[in-house]
mmCIF file of all heavy atoms, coordinates in Angstrom:
data_MODEL
# 
_entry.id   MODEL 
# 
loop_
_atom_site.group_PDB 
_atom_site.id 
_atom_site.type_symbol 
_atom_site.label_atom_id 
_atom_site.label_alt_id 
_atom_site.label_comp_id 
_atom_site.label_asym_id 
_atom_site.label_entity_id 
_atom_site.label_seq_id 
_atom_site.pdbx_PDB_ins_code 
_atom_site.Cartn_x 
_atom_site.Cartn_y 
_atom_site.Cartn_z 
_atom_site.occupancy 
_atom_site.B_iso_or_equiv 
_atom_site.pdbx_formal_charge 
_atom_site.auth_seq_id 
_atom_site.auth_comp_id 
_atom_site.auth_asym_id 
_atom_site.auth_atom_id 
_atom_site.pdbx_PDB_model_num 
ATOM 1   N N   . CYS A 1 1  ? 0.864   -1.180  -0.011 1.00 0.00 ? 1  CYS A N   1 
ATOM 2   C CA  . CYS A 1 1  ? 0.002   0.004   0.009  1.00 0.00 ? 1  CYS A CA  1 
ATOM 3   C C   . CYS A 1 1  ? 0.895   1.225   0.005  1.00 0.00 ? 1  CYS A C   1 
ATOM 4   O O   . CYS A 1 1  ? 1.604   1.488   0.999  1.00 0.00 ? 1  CYS A O   1 
ATOM 5   C CB  . CYS A 1 1  ? -0.904  -0.022  1.228  1.00 0.00 ? 1  CYS A CB  1 
ATOM 6   S SG  . CYS A 1 1  ? -1.944  1.453   1.423  1.00 0.00 ? 1  CYS A SG  1 
ATOM 7   N N   . ALA A 1 2  ? 0.926   1.935   -1.108 1.00 0.00 ? 2  ALA A N   1 
ATOM 8   C CA  . ALA A 1 2  ? 1.721   3.153   -1.228 1.00 0.00 ? 2  ALA A CA  1 
ATOM 9   C C   . ALA A 1 2  ? 0.891   4.336   -0.790 1.00 0.00 ? 2  ALA A C   1 
ATOM 10  O O   . ALA A 1 2  ? -0.230  4.546   -1.288 1.00 0.00 ? 2  ALA A O   1 
ATOM 11  C CB  . ALA A 1 2  ? 2.198   3.321   -2.664 1.00 0.00 ? 2  ALA A CB  1 
ATOM 12  N N   . VAL A 1 3  ? 1.441   5.116   0.115  1.00 0.00 ? 3  VAL A N   1 
ATOM 13  C CA  . VAL A 1 3  ? 0.721   6.276   0.692  1.00 0.00 ? 3  VAL A CA  1 
ATOM 14  C C   . VAL A 1 3  ? 1.359   7.548   0.180  1.00 0.00 ? 3  VAL A C   1 
ATOM 15  O O   . VAL A 1 3  ? 2.572   7.729   0.271  1.00 0.00 ? 3  VAL A O   1 
ATOM 16  C CB  . VAL A 1 3  ? 0.757   6.218   2.232  1.00 0.00 ? 3  VAL A CB  1 
ATOM 17  C CG1 . VAL A 1 3  ? -0.016  7.398   2.815  1.00 0.00 ? 3  VAL A CG1 1 
ATOM 18  C CG2 . VAL A 1 3  ? 0.187   4.894   2.748  1.00 0.00 ? 3  VAL A CG2 1 
ATOM 19  N N   . SER A 1 4  ? 0.538   8.455   -0.319 1.00 0.00 ? 4  SER A N   1 
ATOM 20  C CA  . SER A 1 4  ? 1.055   9.753   -0.782 1.00 0.00 ? 4  SER A CA  1 
ATOM 21  C C   . SER A 1 4  ? 0.073   10.850  -0.389 1.00 0.00 ? 4  SER A C   1 
ATOM 22  O O   . SER A 1 4  ? -1.067  10.583  -0.022 1.00 0.00 ? 4  SER A O   1 
ATOM 23  C CB  . SER A 1 4  ? 1.254   9.750   -2.299 1.00 0.00 ? 4  SER A CB  1 
ATOM 24  O OG  . SER A 1 4  ? 0.024   9.503   -2.958 1.00 0.00 ? 4  SER A OG  1 
ATOM 25  N N   . GLY A 1 5  ? 0.550   12.080  -0.469 1.00 0.00 ? 5  GLY A N   1 
ATOM 26  C CA  . GLY A 1 5  ? -0.314  13.211  -0.151 1.00 0.00 ? 5  GLY A CA  1 
ATOM 27  C C   . GLY A 1 5  ? -0.471  13.491  1.329  1.00 0.00 ? 5  GLY A C   1 
ATOM 28  O O   . GLY A 1 5  ? -1.336  14.293  1.708  1.00 0.00 ? 5  GLY A O   1 
ATOM 29  N N   . GLY A 1 6  ? 0.356   12.847  2.133  1.00 0.00 ? 6  GLY A N   1 
ATOM 30  C CA  . GLY A 1 6  ? 0.264   13.068  3.581  1.00 0.00 ? 6  GLY A CA  1 
ATOM 31  C C   . GLY A 1 6  ? 1.421   12.408  4.288  1.00 0.00 ? 6  GLY A C   1 
ATOM 32  O O   . GLY A 1 6  ? 2.231   11.713  3.683  1.00 0.00 ? 6  GLY A O   1 
ATOM 33  N N   . ILE A 1 7  ? 1.496   12.658  5.571  1.00 0.00 ? 7  ILE A N   1 
ATOM 34  C CA  . ILE A 1 7  ? 2.587   12.096  6.402  1.00 0.00 ? 7  ILE A CA  1 
ATOM 35  C C   . ILE A 1 7  ? 2.109   10.781  6.990  1.00 0.00 ? 7  ILE A C   1 
ATOM 36  O O   . ILE A 1 7  ? 1.134   10.740  7.752  1.00 0.00 ? 7  ILE A O   1 
ATOM 37  C CB  . ILE A 1 7  ? 2.966   13.107  7.508  1.00 0.00 ? 7  ILE A CB  1 
ATOM 38  C CG1 . ILE A 1 7  ? 3.418   14.418  6.887  1.00 0.00 ? 7  ILE A CG1 1 
ATOM 39  C CG2 . ILE A 1 7  ? 4.049   12.507  8.390  1.00 0.00 ? 7  ILE A CG2 1 
ATOM 40  C CD1 . ILE A 1 7  ? 3.637   15.513  7.887  1.00 0.00 ? 7  ILE A CD1 1 
ATOM 41  N N   . LEU A 1 8  ? 2.792   9.724   6.656  1.00 0.00 ? 8  LEU A N   1 
ATOM 42  C CA  . LEU A 1 8  ? 2.352   8.381   7.067  1.00 0.00 ? 8  LEU A CA  1 
ATOM 43  C C   . LEU A 1 8  ? 2.231   8.264   8.578  1.00 0.00 ? 8  LEU A C   1 
ATOM 44  O O   . LEU A 1 8  ? 1.322   7.599   9.084  1.00 0.00 ? 8  LEU A O   1 
ATOM 45  C CB  . LEU A 1 8  ? 3.328   7.332   6.532  1.00 0.00 ? 8  LEU A CB  1 
ATOM 46  C CG  . LEU A 1 8  ? 2.983   5.876   6.815  1.00 0.00 ? 8  LEU A CG  1 
ATOM 47  C CD1 . LEU A 1 8  ? 1.622   5.511   6.243  1.00 0.00 ? 8  LEU A CD1 1 
ATOM 48  C CD2 . LEU A 1 8  ? 4.069   4.948   6.266  1.00 0.00 ? 8  LEU A CD2 1 
ATOM 49  N N   . ASP A 1 9  ? 3.095   8.974   9.332  1.00 0.00 ? 9  ASP A N   1 
ATOM 50  C CA  . ASP A 1 9  ? 3.084   8.910   10.778 1.00 0.00 ? 9  ASP A CA  1 
ATOM 51  C C   . ASP A 1 9  ? 1.764   9.399   11.400 1.00 0.00 ? 9  ASP A C   1 
ATOM 52  O O   . ASP A 1 9  ? 1.498   9.154   12.570 1.00 0.00 ? 9  ASP A O   1 
ATOM 53  C CB  . ASP A 1 9  ? 4.213   9.732   11.380 1.00 0.00 ? 9  ASP A CB  1 
ATOM 54  C CG  . ASP A 1 9  ? 5.550   9.020   11.273 1.00 0.00 ? 9  ASP A CG  1 
ATOM 55  O OD1 . ASP A 1 9  ? 5.544   7.853   10.795 1.00 0.00 ? 9  ASP A OD1 1 
ATOM 56  O OD2 . ASP A 1 9  ? 6.573   9.596   11.635 1.00 0.00 ? 9  ASP A OD2 1 
ATOM 57  N N   . LEU A 1 10 ? 0.962   10.112  10.624 1.00 0.00 ? 10 LEU A N   1 
ATOM 58  C CA  . LEU A 1 10 ? -0.264  10.665  11.148 1.00 0.00 ? 10 LEU A CA  1 
ATOM 59  C C   . LEU A 1 10 ? -1.462  9.718   11.039 1.00 0.00 ? 10 LEU A C   1 
ATOM 60  O O   . LEU A 1 10 ? -2.564  10.062  11.459 1.00 0.00 ? 10 LEU A O   1 
ATOM 61  C CB  . LEU A 1 10 ? -0.599  11.966  10.416 1.00 0.00 ? 10 LEU A CB  1 
ATOM 62  C CG  . LEU A 1 10 ? 0.420   13.087  10.567 1.00 0.00 ? 10 LEU A CG  1 
ATOM 63  C CD1 . LEU A 1 10 ? -0.048  14.321  9.796  1.00 0.00 ? 10 LEU A CD1 1 
ATOM 64  C CD2 . LEU A 1 10 ? 0.661   13.421  12.028 1.00 0.00 ? 10 LEU A CD2 1 
ATOM 65  N N   . TYR A 1 11 ? -1.193  8.512   10.485 1.00 0.00 ? 11 TYR A N   1 
ATOM 66  C CA  . TYR A 1 11 ? -2.318  7.615   10.191 1.00 0.00 ? 11 TYR A CA  1 
ATOM 67  C C   . TYR A 1 11 ? -2.080  6.205   10.724 1.00 0.00 ? 11 TYR A C   1 
ATOM 68  O O   . TYR A 1 11 ? -0.969  5.659   10.629 1.00 0.00 ? 11 TYR A O   1 
ATOM 69  C CB  . TYR A 1 11 ? -2.534  7.520   8.681  1.00 0.00 ? 11 TYR A CB  1 
ATOM 70  C CG  . TYR A 1 11 ? -2.839  8.843   8.029  1.00 0.00 ? 11 TYR A CG  1 
ATOM 71  C CD1 . TYR A 1 11 ? -1.800  9.663   7.598  1.00 0.00 ? 11 TYR A CD1 1 
ATOM 72  C CD2 . TYR A 1 11 ? -4.140  9.265   7.858  1.00 0.00 ? 11 TYR A CD2 1 
ATOM 73  C CE1 . TYR A 1 11 ? -2.074  10.875  6.998  1.00 0.00 ? 11 TYR A CE1 1 
ATOM 74  C CE2 . TYR A 1 11 ? -4.416  10.482  7.266  1.00 0.00 ? 11 TYR A CE2 1 
ATOM 75  C CZ  . TYR A 1 11 ? -3.371  11.289  6.845  1.00 0.00 ? 11 TYR A CZ  1 
ATOM 76  O OH  . TYR A 1 11 ? -3.641  12.503  6.268  1.00 0.00 ? 11 TYR A OH  1 
ATOM 77  N N   . ALA A 1 12 ? -3.135  5.623   11.237 1.00 0.00 ? 12 ALA A N   1 
ATOM 78  C CA  . ALA A 1 12 ? -3.178  4.175   11.360 1.00 0.00 ? 12 ALA A CA  1 
ATOM 79  C C   . ALA A 1 12 ? -3.611  3.628   10.005 1.00 0.00 ? 12 ALA A C   1 
ATOM 80  O O   . ALA A 1 12 ? -4.403  4.259   9.303  1.00 0.00 ? 12 ALA A O   1 
ATOM 81  C CB  . ALA A 1 12 ? -4.138  3.762   12.441 1.00 0.00 ? 12 ALA A CB  1 
ATOM 82  N N   . ILE A 1 13 ? -3.092  2.468   9.646  1.00 0.00 ? 13 ILE A N   1 
ATOM 83  C CA  . ILE A 1 13 ? -3.369  1.879   8.350  1.00 0.00 ? 13 ILE A CA  1 
ATOM 84  C C   . ILE A 1 13 ? -3.946  0.459   8.551  1.00 0.00 ? 13 ILE A C   1 
ATOM 85  O O   . ILE A 1 13 ? -3.491  -0.274  9.433  1.00 0.00 ? 13 ILE A O   1 
ATOM 86  C CB  . ILE A 1 13 ? -2.114  1.762   7.475  1.00 0.00 ? 13 ILE A CB  1 
ATOM 87  C CG1 . ILE A 1 13 ? -1.449  3.132   7.318  1.00 0.00 ? 13 ILE A CG1 1 
ATOM 88  C CG2 . ILE A 1 13 ? -2.461  1.155   6.120  1.00 0.00 ? 13 ILE A CG2 1 
ATOM 89  C CD1 . ILE A 1 13 ? -2.244  4.126   6.504  1.00 0.00 ? 13 ILE A CD1 1 
ATOM 90  N N   . GLY A 1 14 ? -4.903  0.143   7.762  1.00 0.00 ? 14 GLY A N   1 
ATOM 91  C CA  . GLY A 1 14 ? -5.498  -1.176  7.856  1.00 0.00 ? 14 GLY A CA  1 
ATOM 92  C C   . GLY A 1 14 ? -5.652  -1.813  6.497  1.00 0.00 ? 14 GLY A C   1 
ATOM 93  O O   . GLY A 1 14 ? -5.749  -1.151  5.469  1.00 0.00 ? 14 GLY A O   1 
ATOM 94  N N   . TRP A 1 15 ? -5.675  -3.143  6.510  1.00 0.00 ? 15 TRP A N   1 
ATOM 95  C CA  . TRP A 1 15 ? -5.991  -3.917  5.322  1.00 0.00 ? 15 TRP A CA  1 
ATOM 96  C C   . TRP A 1 15 ? -7.367  -4.565  5.528  1.00 0.00 ? 15 TRP A C   1 
ATOM 97  O O   . TRP A 1 15 ? -7.632  -5.136  6.590  1.00 0.00 ? 15 TRP A O   1 
ATOM 98  C CB  . TRP A 1 15 ? -4.947  -5.008  5.107  1.00 0.00 ? 15 TRP A CB  1 
ATOM 99  C CG  . TRP A 1 15 ? -3.665  -4.500  4.501  1.00 0.00 ? 15 TRP A CG  1 
ATOM 100 C CD1 . TRP A 1 15 ? -2.532  -4.164  5.184  1.00 0.00 ? 15 TRP A CD1 1 
ATOM 101 C CD2 . TRP A 1 15 ? -3.392  -4.281  3.137  1.00 0.00 ? 15 TRP A CD2 1 
ATOM 102 N NE1 . TRP A 1 15 ? -1.570  -3.740  4.300  1.00 0.00 ? 15 TRP A NE1 1 
ATOM 103 C CE2 . TRP A 1 15 ? -2.070  -3.818  3.035  1.00 0.00 ? 15 TRP A CE2 1 
ATOM 104 C CE3 . TRP A 1 15 ? -4.122  -4.452  1.950  1.00 0.00 ? 15 TRP A CE3 1 
ATOM 105 C CZ2 . TRP A 1 15 ? -1.453  -3.506  1.808  1.00 0.00 ? 15 TRP A CZ2 1 
ATOM 106 C CZ3 . TRP A 1 15 ? -3.538  -4.138  0.740  1.00 0.00 ? 15 TRP A CZ3 1 
ATOM 107 C CH2 . TRP A 1 15 ? -2.233  -3.660  0.689  1.00 0.00 ? 15 TRP A CH2 1 
ATOM 108 N N   . PHE A 1 16 ? -8.168  -4.464  4.508  1.00 0.00 ? 16 PHE A N   1 
ATOM 109 C CA  . PHE A 1 16 ? -9.513  -5.013  4.535  1.00 0.00 ? 16 PHE A CA  1 
ATOM 110 C C   . PHE A 1 16 ? -9.703  -5.866  3.282  1.00 0.00 ? 16 PHE A C   1 
ATOM 111 O O   . PHE A 1 16 ? -8.971  -5.736  2.302  1.00 0.00 ? 16 PHE A O   1 
ATOM 112 C CB  . PHE A 1 16 ? -10.535 -3.862  4.535  1.00 0.00 ? 16 PHE A CB  1 
ATOM 113 C CG  . PHE A 1 16 ? -10.415 -2.965  5.712  1.00 0.00 ? 16 PHE A CG  1 
ATOM 114 C CD1 . PHE A 1 16 ? -9.440  -1.983  5.752  1.00 0.00 ? 16 PHE A CD1 1 
ATOM 115 C CD2 . PHE A 1 16 ? -11.276 -3.091  6.793  1.00 0.00 ? 16 PHE A CD2 1 
ATOM 116 C CE1 . PHE A 1 16 ? -9.310  -1.133  6.848  1.00 0.00 ? 16 PHE A CE1 1 
ATOM 117 C CE2 . PHE A 1 16 ? -11.147 -2.262  7.906  1.00 0.00 ? 16 PHE A CE2 1 
ATOM 118 C CZ  . PHE A 1 16 ? -10.167 -1.278  7.937  1.00 0.00 ? 16 PHE A CZ  1 
ATOM 119 N N   . ARG A 1 17 ? -10.688 -6.739  3.346  1.00 0.00 ? 17 ARG A N   1 
ATOM 120 C CA  . ARG A 1 17 ? -10.996 -7.514  2.145  1.00 0.00 ? 17 ARG A CA  1 
ATOM 121 C C   . ARG A 1 17 ? -12.492 -7.699  2.012  1.00 0.00 ? 17 ARG A C   1 
ATOM 122 O O   . ARG A 1 17 ? -13.221 -7.654  3.017  1.00 0.00 ? 17 ARG A O   1 
ATOM 123 C CB  . ARG A 1 17 ? -10.289 -8.865  2.168  1.00 0.00 ? 17 ARG A CB  1 
ATOM 124 C CG  . ARG A 1 17 ? -10.768 -9.826  3.263  1.00 0.00 ? 17 ARG A CG  1 
ATOM 125 C CD  . ARG A 1 17 ? -9.907  -11.081 3.265  1.00 0.00 ? 17 ARG A CD  1 
ATOM 126 N NE  . ARG A 1 17 ? -10.351 -12.041 4.280  1.00 0.00 ? 17 ARG A NE  1 
ATOM 127 C CZ  . ARG A 1 17 ? -9.679  -13.151 4.572  1.00 0.00 ? 17 ARG A CZ  1 
ATOM 128 N NH1 . ARG A 1 17 ? -8.546  -13.466 3.916  1.00 0.00 ? 17 ARG A NH1 1 
ATOM 129 N NH2 . ARG A 1 17 ? -10.157 -13.987 5.513  1.00 0.00 ? 17 ARG A NH2 1 
ATOM 130 N N   . GLN A 1 18 ? -12.890 -7.883  0.784  1.00 0.00 ? 18 GLN A N   1 
ATOM 131 C CA  . GLN A 1 18 ? -14.296 -8.144  0.534  1.00 0.00 ? 18 GLN A CA  1 
ATOM 132 C C   . GLN A 1 18 ? -14.434 -9.120  -0.611 1.00 0.00 ? 18 GLN A C   1 
ATOM 133 O O   . GLN A 1 18 ? -13.921 -8.899  -1.714 1.00 0.00 ? 18 GLN A O   1 
ATOM 134 C CB  . GLN A 1 18 ? -15.062 -6.860  0.227  1.00 0.00 ? 18 GLN A CB  1 
ATOM 135 C CG  . GLN A 1 18 ? -16.572 -7.072  0.144  1.00 0.00 ? 18 GLN A CG  1 
ATOM 136 C CD  . GLN A 1 18 ? -17.358 -5.780  0.281  1.00 0.00 ? 18 GLN A CD  1 
ATOM 137 O OE1 . GLN A 1 18 ? -16.843 -4.704  0.013  1.00 0.00 ? 18 GLN A OE1 1 
ATOM 138 N NE2 . GLN A 1 18 ? -18.611 -5.886  0.723  1.00 0.00 ? 18 GLN A NE2 1 
ATOM 139 N N   . ALA A 1 19 ? -15.082 -10.211 -0.336 1.00 0.00 ? 19 ALA A N   1 
ATOM 140 C CA  . ALA A 1 19 ? -15.376 -11.231 -1.345 1.00 0.00 ? 19 ALA A CA  1 
ATOM 141 C C   . ALA A 1 19 ? -16.808 -11.008 -1.851 1.00 0.00 ? 19 ALA A C   1 
ATOM 142 O O   . ALA A 1 19 ? -17.642 -10.444 -1.140 1.00 0.00 ? 19 ALA A O   1 
ATOM 143 C CB  . ALA A 1 19 ? -15.231 -12.606 -0.748 1.00 0.00 ? 19 ALA A CB  1 
ATOM 144 N N   . PRO A 1 20 ? -17.113 -11.461 -3.053 1.00 0.00 ? 20 PRO A N   1 
ATOM 145 C CA  . PRO A 1 20 ? -18.447 -11.313 -3.595 1.00 0.00 ? 20 PRO A CA  1 
ATOM 146 C C   . PRO A 1 20 ? -19.508 -11.889 -2.663 1.00 0.00 ? 20 PRO A C   1 
ATOM 147 O O   . PRO A 1 20 ? -19.385 -13.018 -2.198 1.00 0.00 ? 20 PRO A O   1 
ATOM 148 C CB  . PRO A 1 20 ? -18.395 -12.053 -4.916 1.00 0.00 ? 20 PRO A CB  1 
ATOM 149 C CG  . PRO A 1 20 ? -16.965 -12.016 -5.323 1.00 0.00 ? 20 PRO A CG  1 
ATOM 150 C CD  . PRO A 1 20 ? -16.203 -12.083 -4.030 1.00 0.00 ? 20 PRO A CD  1 
ATOM 151 N N   . GLY A 1 21 ? -20.515 -11.105 -2.364 1.00 0.00 ? 21 GLY A N   1 
ATOM 152 C CA  . GLY A 1 21 ? -21.612 -11.560 -1.527 1.00 0.00 ? 21 GLY A CA  1 
ATOM 153 C C   . GLY A 1 21 ? -21.317 -11.589 -0.055 1.00 0.00 ? 21 GLY A C   1 
ATOM 154 O O   . GLY A 1 21 ? -22.138 -12.038 0.761  1.00 0.00 ? 21 GLY A O   1 
ATOM 155 N N   . LYS A 1 22 ? -20.132 -11.111 0.343  1.00 0.00 ? 22 LYS A N   1 
ATOM 156 C CA  . LYS A 1 22 ? -19.772 -11.127 1.750  1.00 0.00 ? 22 LYS A CA  1 
ATOM 157 C C   . LYS A 1 22 ? -19.513 -9.712  2.254  1.00 0.00 ? 22 LYS A C   1 
ATOM 158 O O   . LYS A 1 22 ? -19.235 -8.801  1.478  1.00 0.00 ? 22 LYS A O   1 
ATOM 159 C CB  . LYS A 1 22 ? -18.514 -11.989 1.969  1.00 0.00 ? 22 LYS A CB  1 
ATOM 160 C CG  . LYS A 1 22 ? -18.727 -13.467 1.690  1.00 0.00 ? 22 LYS A CG  1 
ATOM 161 C CD  . LYS A 1 22 ? -17.523 -14.278 2.125  1.00 0.00 ? 22 LYS A CD  1 
ATOM 162 C CE  . LYS A 1 22 ? -17.768 -15.766 1.909  1.00 0.00 ? 22 LYS A CE  1 
ATOM 163 N NZ  . LYS A 1 22 ? -16.586 -16.576 2.329  1.00 0.00 ? 22 LYS A NZ  1 
ATOM 164 N N   . GLU A 1 23 ? -19.572 -9.564  3.571  1.00 0.00 ? 23 GLU A N   1 
ATOM 165 C CA  . GLU A 1 23 ? -19.304 -8.265  4.181  1.00 0.00 ? 23 GLU A CA  1 
ATOM 166 C C   . GLU A 1 23 ? -17.803 -7.971  4.147  1.00 0.00 ? 23 GLU A C   1 
ATOM 167 O O   . GLU A 1 23 ? -16.974 -8.876  4.110  1.00 0.00 ? 23 GLU A O   1 
ATOM 168 C CB  . GLU A 1 23 ? -19.798 -8.256  5.620  1.00 0.00 ? 23 GLU A CB  1 
ATOM 169 C CG  . GLU A 1 23 ? -21.316 -8.313  5.760  1.00 0.00 ? 23 GLU A CG  1 
ATOM 170 C CD  . GLU A 1 23 ? -21.738 -8.145  7.210  1.00 0.00 ? 23 GLU A CD  1 
ATOM 171 O OE1 . GLU A 1 23 ? -20.886 -8.115  8.102  1.00 0.00 ? 23 GLU A OE1 1 
ATOM 172 O OE2 . GLU A 1 23 ? -22.965 -8.066  7.433  1.00 0.00 ? 23 GLU A OE2 1 
ATOM 173 N N   . ARG A 1 24 ? -17.513 -6.700  4.176  1.00 0.00 ? 24 ARG A N   1 
ATOM 174 C CA  . ARG A 1 24 ? -16.116 -6.260  4.312  1.00 0.00 ? 24 ARG A CA  1 
ATOM 175 C C   . ARG A 1 24 ? -15.546 -6.759  5.652  1.00 0.00 ? 24 ARG A C   1 
ATOM 176 O O   . ARG A 1 24 ? -16.216 -6.706  6.664  1.00 0.00 ? 24 ARG A O   1 
ATOM 177 C CB  . ARG A 1 24 ? -16.051 -4.757  4.281  1.00 0.00 ? 24 ARG A CB  1 
ATOM 178 C CG  . ARG A 1 24 ? -14.700 -4.167  4.549  1.00 0.00 ? 24 ARG A CG  1 
ATOM 179 C CD  . ARG A 1 24 ? -14.725 -2.647  4.409  1.00 0.00 ? 24 ARG A CD  1 
ATOM 180 N NE  . ARG A 1 24 ? -15.683 -2.036  5.330  1.00 0.00 ? 24 ARG A NE  1 
ATOM 181 C CZ  . ARG A 1 24 ? -15.365 -1.571  6.518  1.00 0.00 ? 24 ARG A CZ  1 
ATOM 182 N NH1 . ARG A 1 24 ? -14.139 -1.687  6.975  1.00 0.00 ? 24 ARG A NH1 1 
ATOM 183 N NH2 . ARG A 1 24 ? -16.279 -0.998  7.278  1.00 0.00 ? 24 ARG A NH2 1 
ATOM 184 N N   . GLU A 1 25 ? -14.337 -7.234  5.593  1.00 0.00 ? 25 GLU A N   1 
ATOM 185 C CA  . GLU A 1 25 ? -13.665 -7.766  6.789  1.00 0.00 ? 25 GLU A CA  1 
ATOM 186 C C   . GLU A 1 25 ? -12.368 -7.020  7.040  1.00 0.00 ? 25 GLU A C   1 
ATOM 187 O O   . GLU A 1 25 ? -11.559 -6.860  6.122  1.00 0.00 ? 25 GLU A O   1 
ATOM 188 C CB  . GLU A 1 25 ? -13.364 -9.260  6.595  1.00 0.00 ? 25 GLU A CB  1 
ATOM 189 C CG  . GLU A 1 25 ? -12.625 -9.902  7.765  1.00 0.00 ? 25 GLU A CG  1 
ATOM 190 C CD  . GLU A 1 25 ? -12.222 -11.359 7.490  1.00 0.00 ? 25 GLU A CD  1 
ATOM 191 O OE1 . GLU A 1 25 ? -12.207 -11.760 6.313  1.00 0.00 ? 25 GLU A OE1 1 
ATOM 192 O OE2 . GLU A 1 25 ? -11.956 -12.084 8.468  1.00 0.00 ? 25 GLU A OE2 1 
ATOM 193 N N   . GLY A 1 26 ? -12.197 -6.579  8.244  1.00 0.00 ? 26 GLY A N   1 
ATOM 194 C CA  . GLY A 1 26 ? -10.923 -5.965  8.655  1.00 0.00 ? 26 GLY A CA  1 
ATOM 195 C C   . GLY A 1 26 ? -9.909  -7.089  8.855  1.00 0.00 ? 26 GLY A C   1 
ATOM 196 O O   . GLY A 1 26 ? -10.066 -7.894  9.783  1.00 0.00 ? 26 GLY A O   1 
# 
């Protein structure tokens, strides 16, 4: 995940996924 336009230190970052027909999962 490439981050631009801001200072990375100011953000928590998460990965999420979503499969067809399923809810988004953290």
